[in-house]
Amino acid sequence: MTAVVPIETPTLVSGTPVVLRAHGYEAAIASVGASLRSLTFEGRDLVVPFAADELRPAYRGTTLAPWPNRVVDGIHHFDGVEHQLPLTEPNRGHALHGLLSWVDWNVREATDDSVTLVATITAQAGYPWWVVVSTTFSLDADGLTQTVRATNLSDTPAPWGTGPHPYLVAGPATLDEWTLGLPADTVLEVTPDRLAPVALASVTSDAERFDFREPRVLGAVEIDHAYTGLIPDAGARTTVTLTDPSGTGVAMNWGTDCPWVQIHTADLPAGPGTPGHRAGLAVEPMTCAPDAFNDDAYDFATGVVSLDPGASHEAGWTVSAR
């Protein structure tokens, strides 16, 4: 007689929980999607949280790999071969945010202030490469730093990109009252219906909507756009700041490994009254542009990485209280 092996199910809908604490910060990590479930400083939310036993709302806090943002129509060309990805953004007809957002990552090397999670992208339709991905969340006095490292296990080069998807929270006021500082000269224009990339433009082309090089109140603007032409500080880091009228705030910074950032004011189709509508500001540093896998289709450098067999690529970012 064949023995029946019981199937273990996760205790929580969001997977294995890990809580990190250090220097007044507390970060809750969920293994499904290697997601940042919550982040607080001295009890104050720095990101829009979700419950440990809650199905994660869309892509809130997840790790995006092997591409951030979207692949238009799910079709991409790499080394002369056309690939068709499953369409995971059906209302717009695109492949959205990679292949690992709903995978249960394996938790490794957890300590009081750091945890590493690992997942493997298996060769599949639309992405016929094996890539192992690890991500480490760590707390120190400067905040929460996440690094993502990918290694190509295949015998041919693989297209690669990554980024996070947190919704930042400045304080108790509404998003419309928060002050945004975004040091970027250039915005990627997109089609209004499908958000497909069109062309790069100066942020001054629609300054009221896109130009936050000098910090100012967000107001009622609706943004779901990628920026580039980032303006680094003396340490070669780009810093986005968000400040509440009460004086509290949050910042996110990263290095030259992420030359793009997606900004989204979290506008939901159903509008005001919908849970999550304009609840936080998505700030998503990205190693590459939207639809970067179709690099040849654009007259600007998308930043897509061609990851050679056996090679690795790493990127990281930090969220901190202000």
C-alpha atoms as a PDB file:
ATOM      1  CA  MET A   1       0.000   0.000   0.000  1.00  0.00           C
ATOM      2  CA  THR A   2       1.278   3.449  -0.923  1.00  0.00           C
ATOM      3  CA  ALA A   3       1.573   5.809   2.026  1.00  0.00           C
ATOM      4  CA  VAL A   4      -0.399   9.037   1.874  1.00  0.00           C
ATOM      5  CA  VAL A   5       1.870  12.005   2.496  1.00  0.00           C
ATOM      6  CA  PRO A   6       0.019  14.967   4.039  1.00  0.00           C
ATOM      7  CA  ILE A   7       0.388  18.259   2.209  1.00  0.00           C
ATOM      8  CA  GLU A   8       1.617  21.072   4.402  1.00  0.00           C
ATOM      9  CA  THR A   9      -0.143  24.375   3.925  1.00  0.00           C
ATOM     10  CA  PRO A  10       1.199  27.716   5.104  1.00  0.00           C
ATOM     11  CA  THR A  11      -0.158  28.942   8.417  1.00  0.00           C
ATOM     12  CA  LEU A  12      -0.838  32.394   6.975  1.00  0.00           C
ATOM     13  CA  VAL A  13      -2.210  33.474   3.605  1.00  0.00           C
ATOM     14  CA  SER A  14       0.862  35.644   2.983  1.00  0.00           C
ATOM     15  CA  GLY A  15       3.222  32.754   3.739  1.00  0.00           C
ATOM     16  CA  THR A  16       5.980  32.500   6.303  1.00  0.00           C
ATOM     17  CA  PRO A  17       6.198  35.627   8.474  1.00  0.00           C
ATOM     18  CA  VAL A  18       9.490  37.203   9.507  1.00  0.00           C
ATOM     19  CA  VAL A  19       9.726  40.256  11.770  1.00  0.00           C
ATOM     20  CA  LEU A  20      12.900  42.340  11.992  1.00  0.00           C
ATOM     21  CA  ARG A  21      13.573  44.897  14.737  1.00  0.00           C
ATOM     22  CA  ALA A  22      16.449  47.344  15.197  1.00  0.00           C
ATOM     23  CA  HIS A  23      17.103  51.054  15.875  1.00  0.00           C
ATOM     24  CA  GLY A  24      13.418  51.891  16.347  1.00  0.00           C
ATOM     25  CA  TYR A  25      12.406  50.210  13.090  1.00  0.00           C
ATOM     26  CA  GLU A  26      10.207  47.147  12.715  1.00  0.00           C
ATOM     27  CA  ALA A  27       9.820  45.401   9.361  1.00  0.00           C
ATOM     28  CA  ALA A  28       7.428  42.536   8.654  1.00  0.00           C
ATOM     29  CA  ILE A  29       8.369  40.369   5.684  1.00  0.00           C
ATOM     30  CA  ALA A  30       6.010  37.852   4.057  1.00  0.00           C
ATOM     31  CA  SER A  31       7.497  34.954   2.104  1.00  0.00           C
ATOM     32  CA  VAL A  32       4.896  35.058  -0.684  1.00  0.00           C
ATOM     33  CA  GLY A  33       6.448  37.421  -3.201  1.00  0.00           C
ATOM     34  CA  ALA A  34       9.269  38.276  -0.751  1.00  0.00           C
ATOM     35  CA  SER A  35       6.935  41.091   0.238  1.00  0.00           C
ATOM     36  CA  LEU A  36       7.490  43.994   2.624  1.00  0.00           C
ATOM     37  CA  ARG A  37       4.236  43.610   4.553  1.00  0.00           C
ATOM     38  CA  SER A  38       4.806  46.546   6.890  1.00  0.00           C
ATOM     39  CA  LEU A  39       7.529  48.935   8.001  1.00  0.00           C
ATOM     40  CA  THR A  40       7.307  51.229  11.012  1.00  0.00           C
ATOM     41  CA  PHE A  41       9.605  53.622  12.823  1.00  0.00           C
ATOM     42  CA  GLU A  42       8.811  54.176  16.491  1.00  0.00           C
ATOM     43  CA  GLY A  43       5.337  52.836  15.759  1.00  0.00           C
ATOM     44  CA  ARG A  44       4.691  55.097  12.743  1.00  0.00           C
ATOM     45  CA  ASP A  45       3.857  53.513   9.375  1.00  0.00           C
ATOM     46  CA  LEU A  46       6.363  54.215   6.612  1.00  0.00           C
ATOM     47  CA  VAL A  47       4.560  52.039   4.038  1.00  0.00           C
ATOM     48  CA  VAL A  48       0.934  51.061   3.504  1.00  0.00           C
ATOM     49  CA  PRO A  49       0.709  47.731   5.380  1.00  0.00           C
ATOM     50  CA  PHE A  50      -1.388  44.639   4.934  1.00  0.00           C
ATOM     51  CA  ALA A  51      -2.281  41.910   7.440  1.00  0.00           C
ATOM     52  CA  ALA A  52      -0.269  38.722   7.834  1.00  0.00           C
ATOM     53  CA  ASP A  53      -3.330  36.581   7.134  1.00  0.00           C
ATOM     54  CA  GLU A  54      -4.560  38.735   4.261  1.00  0.00           C
ATOM     55  CA  LEU A  55      -4.205  38.068   0.549  1.00  0.00           C
ATOM     56  CA  ARG A  56      -1.708  40.713  -0.453  1.00  0.00           C
ATOM     57  CA  PRO A  57      -3.509  43.597  -2.208  1.00  0.00           C
ATOM     58  CA  ALA A  58      -2.241  43.408  -5.797  1.00  0.00           C
ATOM     59  CA  TYR A  59       1.553  43.972  -5.838  1.00  0.00           C
ATOM     60  CA  ARG A  60       1.850  45.969  -2.610  1.00  0.00           C
ATOM     61  CA  GLY A  61       5.371  45.550  -1.230  1.00  0.00           C
ATOM     62  CA  THR A  62       6.404  42.662  -3.459  1.00  0.00           C
ATOM     63  CA  THR A  63       9.769  42.000  -5.132  1.00  0.00           C
ATOM     64  CA  LEU A  64       9.608  42.366  -8.921  1.00  0.00           C
ATOM     65  CA  ALA A  65      11.689  39.945 -11.017  1.00  0.00           C
ATOM     66  CA  PRO A  66      12.828  39.144 -13.682  1.00  0.00           C
ATOM     67  CA  TRP A  67      11.293  42.394 -14.869  1.00  0.00           C
ATOM     68  CA  PRO A  68       9.603  45.314 -13.105  1.00  0.00           C
ATOM     69  CA  ASN A  69       6.623  47.149 -14.569  1.00  0.00           C
ATOM     70  CA  ARG A  70       5.114  45.650 -17.738  1.00  0.00           C
ATOM     71  CA  VAL A  71       5.992  43.871 -20.961  1.00  0.00           C
ATOM     72  CA  VAL A  72       3.616  45.272 -23.589  1.00  0.00           C
ATOM     73  CA  ASP A  73       1.282  42.574 -24.976  1.00  0.00           C
ATOM     74  CA  GLY A  74       3.437  40.038 -23.120  1.00  0.00           C
ATOM     75  CA  ILE A  75       5.597  39.798 -26.252  1.00  0.00           C
ATOM     76  CA  HIS A  76       9.337  40.375 -26.202  1.00  0.00           C
ATOM     77  CA  HIS A  77      12.290  39.667 -28.450  1.00  0.00           C
ATOM     78  CA  PHE A  78      15.661  38.549 -27.171  1.00  0.00           C
ATOM     79  CA  ASP A  79      18.634  37.412 -29.252  1.00  0.00           C
ATOM     80  CA  GLY A  80      16.400  37.371 -32.305  1.00  0.00           C
ATOM     81  CA  VAL A  81      13.761  35.089 -30.800  1.00  0.00           C
ATOM     82  CA  GLU A  82      10.172  36.135 -30.064  1.00  0.00           C
ATOM     83  CA  HIS A  83       8.679  35.069 -26.728  1.00  0.00           C
ATOM     84  CA  GLN A  84       5.075  35.247 -25.522  1.00  0.00           C
ATOM     85  CA  LEU A  85       4.531  35.662 -21.784  1.00  0.00           C
ATOM     86  CA  PRO A  86       1.231  34.995 -20.004  1.00  0.00           C
ATOM     87  CA  LEU A  87      -0.887  38.151 -19.731  1.00  0.00           C
ATOM     88  CA  THR A  88      -1.133  38.968 -16.038  1.00  0.00           C
ATOM     89  CA  GLU A  89      -2.587  42.453 -16.491  1.00  0.00           C
ATOM     90  CA  PRO A  90      -5.686  41.384 -18.440  1.00  0.00           C
ATOM     91  CA  ASN A  91      -7.451  44.752 -18.429  1.00  0.00           C
ATOM     92  CA  ARG A  92      -4.503  46.250 -20.323  1.00  0.00           C
ATOM     93  CA  GLY A  93      -3.228  43.116 -22.040  1.00  0.00           C
ATOM     94  CA  HIS A  94       0.322  43.094 -20.635  1.00  0.00           C
ATOM     95  CA  ALA A  95       2.632  40.854 -18.610  1.00  0.00           C
ATOM     96  CA  LEU A  96       3.005  42.669 -15.295  1.00  0.00           C
ATOM     97  CA  HIS A  97       5.776  42.747 -12.682  1.00  0.00           C
ATOM     98  CA  GLY A  98       7.674  39.561 -13.436  1.00  0.00           C
ATOM     99  CA  LEU A  99       7.251  35.943 -12.385  1.00  0.00           C
ATOM    100  CA  LEU A 100       7.926  35.807  -8.633  1.00  0.00           C
ATOM    101  CA  SER A 101       5.285  38.032  -7.021  1.00  0.00           C
ATOM    102  CA  TRP A 102       3.037  35.082  -6.095  1.00  0.00           C
ATOM    103  CA  VAL A 103       5.785  32.520  -5.476  1.00  0.00           C
ATOM    104  CA  ASP A 104       6.434  31.373  -1.915  1.00  0.00           C
ATOM    105  CA  TRP A 105      10.124  32.181  -1.429  1.00  0.00           C
ATOM    106  CA  ASN A 106      12.285  30.061   0.885  1.00  0.00           C
ATOM    107  CA  VAL A 107      13.378  31.833   4.069  1.00  0.00           C
ATOM    108  CA  ARG A 108      17.098  31.572   4.820  1.00  0.00           C
ATOM    109  CA  GLU A 109      19.482  33.047   7.394  1.00  0.00           C
ATOM    110  CA  ALA A 110      17.001  34.959   9.535  1.00  0.00           C
ATOM    111  CA  THR A 111      18.329  37.044  12.458  1.00  0.00           C
ATOM    112  CA  ASP A 112      16.821  39.793  14.599  1.00  0.00           C
ATOM    113  CA  ASP A 113      17.658  42.463  12.023  1.00  0.00           C
ATOM    114  CA  SER A 114      18.138  40.627   8.721  1.00  0.00           C
ATOM    115  CA  VAL A 115      16.588  37.907   6.563  1.00  0.00           C
ATOM    116  CA  THR A 116      17.425  36.381   3.198  1.00  0.00           C
ATOM    117  CA  LEU A 117      14.836  34.737   0.968  1.00  0.00           C
ATOM    118  CA  VAL A 118      15.531  32.674  -2.149  1.00  0.00           C
ATOM    119  CA  ALA A 119      13.420  31.653  -5.160  1.00  0.00           C
ATOM    120  CA  THR A 120      14.171  30.093  -8.526  1.00  0.00           C
ATOM    121  CA  ILE A 121      12.667  31.169 -11.818  1.00  0.00           C
ATOM    122  CA  THR A 122      12.232  27.953 -13.777  1.00  0.00           C
ATOM    123  CA  ALA A 123      12.476  27.905 -17.568  1.00  0.00           C
ATOM    124  CA  GLN A 124       8.958  28.373 -18.919  1.00  0.00           C
ATOM    125  CA  ALA A 125       6.909  29.648 -21.831  1.00  0.00           C
ATOM    126  CA  GLY A 126       7.920  33.235 -22.521  1.00  0.00           C
ATOM    127  CA  TYR A 127      11.001  33.081 -20.278  1.00  0.00           C
ATOM    128  CA  PRO A 128      13.025  29.933 -21.092  1.00  0.00           C
ATOM    129  CA  TRP A 129      15.827  30.511 -18.573  1.00  0.00           C
ATOM    130  CA  TRP A 130      16.691  29.265 -15.101  1.00  0.00           C
ATOM    131  CA  VAL A 131      17.577  32.150 -12.778  1.00  0.00           C
ATOM    132  CA  VAL A 132      18.048  31.889  -9.020  1.00  0.00           C
ATOM    133  CA  VAL A 133      17.093  35.051  -7.136  1.00  0.00           C
ATOM    134  CA  SER A 134      17.940  35.938  -3.556  1.00  0.00           C
ATOM    135  CA  THR A 135      16.873  39.010  -1.631  1.00  0.00           C
ATOM    136  CA  THR A 136      18.062  40.292   1.723  1.00  0.00           C
ATOM    137  CA  PHE A 137      16.174  42.718   3.957  1.00  0.00           C
ATOM    138  CA  SER A 138      18.304  44.295   6.697  1.00  0.00           C
ATOM    139  CA  LEU A 139      17.733  46.987   9.311  1.00  0.00           C
ATOM    140  CA  ASP A 140      20.252  49.465  10.658  1.00  0.00           C
ATOM    141  CA  ALA A 141      20.227  53.043  11.869  1.00  0.00           C
ATOM    142  CA  ASP A 142      19.703  54.244   8.285  1.00  0.00           C
ATOM    143  CA  GLY A 143      16.488  52.258   7.804  1.00  0.00           C
ATOM    144  CA  LEU A 144      15.503  49.142   5.861  1.00  0.00           C
ATOM    145  CA  THR A 145      17.738  48.108   2.978  1.00  0.00           C
ATOM    146  CA  GLN A 146      16.712  45.487   0.441  1.00  0.00           C
ATOM    147  CA  THR A 147      19.160  43.967  -2.021  1.00  0.00           C
ATOM    148  CA  VAL A 148      18.228  41.643  -4.873  1.00  0.00           C
ATOM    149  CA  ARG A 149      20.774  39.329  -6.500  1.00  0.00           C
ATOM    150  CA  ALA A 150      20.145  37.193  -9.580  1.00  0.00           C
ATOM    151  CA  THR A 151      22.358  34.450 -11.033  1.00  0.00           C
ATOM    152  CA  ASN A 152      21.752  32.936 -14.458  1.00  0.00           C
ATOM    153  CA  LEU A 153      21.915  29.143 -14.283  1.00  0.00           C
ATOM    154  CA  SER A 154      21.184  28.672 -17.998  1.00  0.00           C
ATOM    155  CA  ASP A 155      23.671  28.169 -20.807  1.00  0.00           C
ATOM    156  CA  THR A 156      22.459  31.219 -22.767  1.00  0.00           C
ATOM    157  CA  PRO A 157      22.125  34.901 -21.755  1.00  0.00           C
ATOM    158  CA  ALA A 158      18.859  35.904 -20.059  1.00  0.00           C
ATOM    159  CA  PRO A 159      17.099  39.290 -19.982  1.00  0.00           C
ATOM    160  CA  TRP A 160      16.889  40.654 -16.451  1.00  0.00           C
ATOM    161  CA  GLY A 161      15.480  43.517 -14.420  1.00  0.00           C
ATOM    162  CA  THR A 162      14.212  44.066 -10.897  1.00  0.00           C
ATOM    163  CA  GLY A 163      12.721  46.534  -8.423  1.00  0.00           C
ATOM    164  CA  PRO A 164      10.452  46.802  -5.347  1.00  0.00           C
ATOM    165  CA  HIS A 165       6.820  47.914  -5.032  1.00  0.00           C
ATOM    166  CA  PRO A 166       6.307  49.737  -1.702  1.00  0.00           C
ATOM    167  CA  TYR A 167       3.638  52.379  -1.145  1.00  0.00           C
ATOM    168  CA  LEU A 168       5.250  55.028   1.046  1.00  0.00           C
ATOM    169  CA  VAL A 169       3.397  56.861   3.833  1.00  0.00           C
ATOM    170  CA  ALA A 170       4.572  60.286   5.028  1.00  0.00           C
ATOM    171  CA  GLY A 171       2.198  60.749   7.956  1.00  0.00           C
ATOM    172  CA  PRO A 172      -1.439  61.111   9.047  1.00  0.00           C
ATOM    173  CA  ALA A 173      -2.578  63.601   6.379  1.00  0.00           C
ATOM    174  CA  THR A 174      -3.904  62.550   2.979  1.00  0.00           C
ATOM    175  CA  LEU A 175      -1.651  61.949  -0.008  1.00  0.00           C
ATOM    176  CA  ASP A 176      -2.909  65.174  -1.581  1.00  0.00           C
ATOM    177  CA  GLU A 177      -1.365  67.112   1.316  1.00  0.00           C
ATOM    178  CA  TRP A 178       2.041  65.435   1.239  1.00  0.00           C
ATOM    179  CA  THR A 179       5.097  67.190  -0.185  1.00  0.00           C
ATOM    180  CA  LEU A 180       7.049  65.194  -2.779  1.00  0.00           C
ATOM    181  CA  GLY A 181      10.687  65.707  -3.668  1.00  0.00           C
ATOM    182  CA  LEU A 182      11.673  63.804  -6.816  1.00  0.00           C
ATOM    183  CA  PRO A 183      15.068  64.676  -8.364  1.00  0.00           C
ATOM    184  CA  ALA A 184      14.391  63.599 -11.958  1.00  0.00           C
ATOM    185  CA  ASP A 185      14.639  65.550 -15.217  1.00  0.00           C
ATOM    186  CA  THR A 186      12.809  63.172 -17.539  1.00  0.00           C
ATOM    187  CA  VAL A 187       9.488  61.345 -17.578  1.00  0.00           C
ATOM    188  CA  LEU A 188       8.359  58.498 -19.842  1.00  0.00           C
ATOM    189  CA  GLU A 189       5.182  59.399 -21.689  1.00  0.00           C
ATOM    190  CA  VAL A 190       2.694  56.525 -21.986  1.00  0.00           C
ATOM    191  CA  THR A 191      -0.607  55.865 -23.717  1.00  0.00           C
ATOM    192  CA  PRO A 192      -3.505  56.844 -21.438  1.00  0.00           C
ATOM    193  CA  ASP A 193      -5.431  53.597 -21.843  1.00  0.00           C
ATOM    194  CA  ARG A 194      -2.742  50.884 -21.627  1.00  0.00           C
ATOM    195  CA  LEU A 195       0.255  52.770 -20.154  1.00  0.00           C
ATOM    196  CA  ALA A 196       2.415  51.550 -23.041  1.00  0.00           C
ATOM    197  CA  PRO A 197       5.653  53.566 -23.412  1.00  0.00           C
ATOM    198  CA  VAL A 198       5.704  56.266 -26.090  1.00  0.00           C
ATOM    199  CA  ALA A 199       8.684  58.599 -25.675  1.00  0.00           C
ATOM    200  CA  LEU A 200      10.826  60.450 -23.156  1.00  0.00           C
ATOM    201  CA  ALA A 201       9.960  64.044 -22.309  1.00  0.00           C
ATOM    202  CA  SER A 202      11.251  66.745 -20.006  1.00  0.00           C
ATOM    203  CA  VAL A 203       9.327  66.996 -16.740  1.00  0.00           C
ATOM    204  CA  THR A 204       8.752  70.617 -17.729  1.00  0.00           C
ATOM    205  CA  SER A 205       6.498  69.442 -20.588  1.00  0.00           C
ATOM    206  CA  ASP A 206       3.730  69.190 -17.968  1.00  0.00           C
ATOM    207  CA  ALA A 207       5.393  70.737 -14.946  1.00  0.00           C
ATOM    208  CA  GLU A 208       2.293  70.828 -12.735  1.00  0.00           C
ATOM    209  CA  ARG A 209       1.936  67.087 -13.051  1.00  0.00           C
ATOM    210  CA  PHE A 210       5.508  65.832 -13.347  1.00  0.00           C
ATOM    211  CA  ASP A 211       8.099  68.319 -12.057  1.00  0.00           C
ATOM    212  CA  PHE A 212       8.963  67.771  -8.394  1.00  0.00           C
ATOM    213  CA  ARG A 213      12.662  68.605  -8.562  1.00  0.00           C
ATOM    214  CA  GLU A 214      11.867  71.327  -6.068  1.00  0.00           C
ATOM    215  CA  PRO A 215       9.726  69.638  -3.384  1.00  0.00           C
ATOM    216  CA  ARG A 216       6.093  70.722  -3.449  1.00  0.00           C
ATOM    217  CA  VAL A 217       2.647  69.524  -2.397  1.00  0.00           C
ATOM    218  CA  LEU A 218       1.248  66.736  -4.552  1.00  0.00           C
ATOM    219  CA  GLY A 219      -2.315  68.025  -4.644  1.00  0.00           C
ATOM    220  CA  ALA A 220      -4.768  66.201  -6.886  1.00  0.00           C
ATOM    221  CA  VAL A 221      -2.291  65.138  -9.602  1.00  0.00           C
ATOM    222  CA  GLU A 222      -2.538  61.566 -10.878  1.00  0.00           C
ATOM    223  CA  ILE A 223       0.755  59.944 -11.777  1.00  0.00           C
ATOM    224  CA  ASP A 224       1.542  56.419 -12.960  1.00  0.00           C
ATOM    225  CA  HIS A 225       4.756  57.089 -14.863  1.00  0.00           C
ATOM    226  CA  ALA A 226       8.412  56.128 -14.948  1.00  0.00           C
ATOM    227  CA  TYR A 227      11.090  58.777 -14.498  1.00  0.00           C
ATOM    228  CA  THR A 228      14.729  58.756 -15.530  1.00  0.00           C
ATOM    229  CA  GLY A 229      17.422  61.408 -15.828  1.00  0.00           C
ATOM    230  CA  LEU A 230      17.757  61.010 -12.077  1.00  0.00           C
ATOM    231  CA  ILE A 231      19.796  63.634 -10.224  1.00  0.00           C
ATOM    232  CA  PRO A 232      22.114  61.972  -7.685  1.00  0.00           C
ATOM    233  CA  ASP A 233      23.577  63.550  -4.576  1.00  0.00           C
ATOM    234  CA  ALA A 234      27.281  63.794  -3.764  1.00  0.00           C
ATOM    235  CA  GLY A 235      27.269  60.127  -2.775  1.00  0.00           C
ATOM    236  CA  ALA A 236      25.874  59.080  -6.188  1.00  0.00           C
ATOM    237  CA  ARG A 237      22.523  58.213  -4.603  1.00  0.00           C
ATOM    238  CA  THR A 238      19.077  59.328  -5.707  1.00  0.00           C
ATOM    239  CA  THR A 239      16.685  60.225  -2.876  1.00  0.00           C
ATOM    240  CA  VAL A 240      12.915  60.619  -3.118  1.00  0.00           C
ATOM    241  CA  THR A 241      11.341  62.375  -0.122  1.00  0.00           C
ATOM    242  CA  LEU A 242       7.761  62.509   1.073  1.00  0.00           C
ATOM    243  CA  THR A 243       6.765  64.856   3.913  1.00  0.00           C
ATOM    244  CA  ASP A 244       3.535  65.239   5.893  1.00  0.00           C
ATOM    245  CA  PRO A 245       2.300  68.697   7.015  1.00  0.00           C
ATOM    246  CA  SER A 246       2.930  67.550  10.594  1.00  0.00           C
ATOM    247  CA  GLY A 247       6.653  67.346   9.834  1.00  0.00           C
ATOM    248  CA  THR A 248       7.030  63.572   9.724  1.00  0.00           C
ATOM    249  CA  GLY A 249       8.188  61.931   6.528  1.00  0.00           C
ATOM    250  CA  VAL A 250       9.780  59.036   4.700  1.00  0.00           C
ATOM    251  CA  ALA A 251      12.575  58.768   2.154  1.00  0.00           C
ATOM    252  CA  MET A 252      13.770  56.180  -0.310  1.00  0.00           C
ATOM    253  CA  ASN A 253      17.249  56.182  -1.829  1.00  0.00           C
ATOM    254  CA  TRP A 254      19.273  54.015  -4.185  1.00  0.00           C
ATOM    255  CA  GLY A 255      22.409  54.030  -6.310  1.00  0.00           C
ATOM    256  CA  THR A 256      23.204  54.015 -10.012  1.00  0.00           C
ATOM    257  CA  ASP A 257      22.087  50.380 -10.363  1.00  0.00           C
ATOM    258  CA  CYS A 258      18.533  51.771 -10.656  1.00  0.00           C
ATOM    259  CA  PRO A 259      18.446  54.539 -13.301  1.00  0.00           C
ATOM    260  CA  TRP A 260      14.630  54.519 -13.386  1.00  0.00           C
ATOM    261  CA  VAL A 261      11.833  54.991 -10.850  1.00  0.00           C
ATOM    262  CA  GLN A 262       8.094  54.433 -11.242  1.00  0.00           C
ATOM    263  CA  ILE A 263       5.842  56.832  -9.318  1.00  0.00           C
ATOM    264  CA  HIS A 264       2.172  56.000  -8.780  1.00  0.00           C
ATOM    265  CA  THR A 265      -0.334  58.000  -6.758  1.00  0.00           C
ATOM    266  CA  ALA A 266      -2.359  54.804  -6.190  1.00  0.00           C
ATOM    267  CA  ASP A 267      -5.430  55.973  -8.033  1.00  0.00           C
ATOM    268  CA  LEU A 268      -7.911  53.102  -8.316  1.00  0.00           C
ATOM    269  CA  PRO A 269     -10.541  52.858 -11.079  1.00  0.00           C
ATOM    270  CA  ALA A 270     -13.465  52.917  -8.638  1.00  0.00           C
ATOM    271  CA  GLY A 271     -12.167  56.161  -7.153  1.00  0.00           C
ATOM    272  CA  PRO A 272     -12.638  57.684  -3.676  1.00  0.00           C
ATOM    273  CA  GLY A 273     -14.039  55.339  -1.059  1.00  0.00           C
ATOM    274  CA  THR A 274     -12.282  52.313  -2.537  1.00  0.00           C
ATOM    275  CA  PRO A 275      -9.916  50.700  -0.009  1.00  0.00           C
ATOM    276  CA  GLY A 276      -6.355  51.633  -0.933  1.00  0.00           C
ATOM    277  CA  HIS A 277      -7.296  54.549  -3.206  1.00  0.00           C
ATOM    278  CA  ARG A 278      -4.519  57.165  -2.873  1.00  0.00           C
ATOM    279  CA  ALA A 279      -3.521  55.548   0.421  1.00  0.00           C
ATOM    280  CA  GLY A 280       0.195  55.881  -0.294  1.00  0.00           C
ATOM    281  CA  LEU A 281       2.696  56.837  -2.962  1.00  0.00           C
ATOM    282  CA  ALA A 282       4.272  53.949  -4.853  1.00  0.00           C
ATOM    283  CA  VAL A 283       7.988  54.631  -5.307  1.00  0.00           C
ATOM    284  CA  GLU A 284       9.591  51.848  -7.339  1.00  0.00           C
ATOM    285  CA  PRO A 285      13.290  52.212  -8.213  1.00  0.00           C
ATOM    286  CA  MET A 286      13.925  50.015 -11.251  1.00  0.00           C
ATOM    287  CA  THR A 287      17.015  48.658 -12.958  1.00  0.00           C
ATOM    288  CA  CYS A 288      15.261  49.114 -16.291  1.00  0.00           C
ATOM    289  CA  ALA A 289      12.409  50.928 -18.006  1.00  0.00           C
ATOM    290  CA  PRO A 290       8.859  49.708 -18.588  1.00  0.00           C
ATOM    291  CA  ASP A 291       8.829  47.220 -21.495  1.00  0.00           C
ATOM    292  CA  ALA A 292      12.624  47.057 -21.285  1.00  0.00           C
ATOM    293  CA  PHE A 293      12.681  43.537 -22.735  1.00  0.00           C
ATOM    294  CA  ASN A 294      11.751  45.194 -26.045  1.00  0.00           C
ATOM    295  CA  ASP A 295      14.798  47.441 -25.942  1.00  0.00           C
ATOM    296  CA  ASP A 296      15.109  47.567 -29.752  1.00  0.00           C
ATOM    297  CA  ALA A 297      11.644  49.111 -30.059  1.00  0.00           C
ATOM    298  CA  TYR A 298      12.691  52.397 -28.418  1.00  0.00           C
ATOM    299  CA  ASP A 299      15.070  55.233 -29.225  1.00  0.00           C
ATOM    300  CA  PHE A 300      16.327  55.413 -25.634  1.00  0.00           C
ATOM    301  CA  ALA A 301      18.352  53.045 -23.490  1.00  0.00           C
ATOM    302  CA  THR A 302      15.955  50.940 -21.421  1.00  0.00           C
ATOM    303  CA  GLY A 303      18.614  49.504 -19.100  1.00  0.00           C
ATOM    304  CA  VAL A 304      17.669  45.859 -19.606  1.00  0.00           C
ATOM    305  CA  VAL A 305      20.478  43.571 -18.404  1.00  0.00           C
ATOM    306  CA  SER A 306      21.688  40.704 -20.574  1.00  0.00           C
ATOM    307  CA  LEU A 307      22.718  38.287 -17.835  1.00  0.00           C
ATOM    308  CA  ASP A 308      25.410  35.940 -19.113  1.00  0.00           C
ATOM    309  CA  PRO A 309      25.488  32.242 -18.137  1.00  0.00           C
ATOM    310  CA  GLY A 310      26.848  31.955 -14.603  1.00  0.00           C
ATOM    311  CA  ALA A 311      26.862  35.731 -14.135  1.00  0.00           C
ATOM    312  CA  SER A 312      25.137  37.625 -11.317  1.00  0.00           C
ATOM    313  CA  HIS A 313      23.532  41.054 -11.019  1.00  0.00           C
ATOM    314  CA  GLU A 314      22.723  42.964  -7.829  1.00  0.00           C
ATOM    315  CA  ALA A 315      20.686  46.059  -6.999  1.00  0.00           C
ATOM    316  CA  GLY A 316      19.399  47.611  -3.787  1.00  0.00           C
ATOM    317  CA  TRP A 317      17.449  50.446  -2.140  1.00  0.00           C
ATOM    318  CA  THR A 318      16.745  51.836   1.338  1.00  0.00           C
ATOM    319  CA  VAL A 319      13.598  53.179   3.022  1.00  0.00           C
ATOM    320  CA  SER A 320      14.086  55.441   6.030  1.00  0.00           C
ATOM    321  CA  ALA A 321      12.105  57.680   8.364  1.00  0.00           C
ATOM    322  CA  ARG A 322      12.478  61.437   8.227  1.00  0.00           C
END
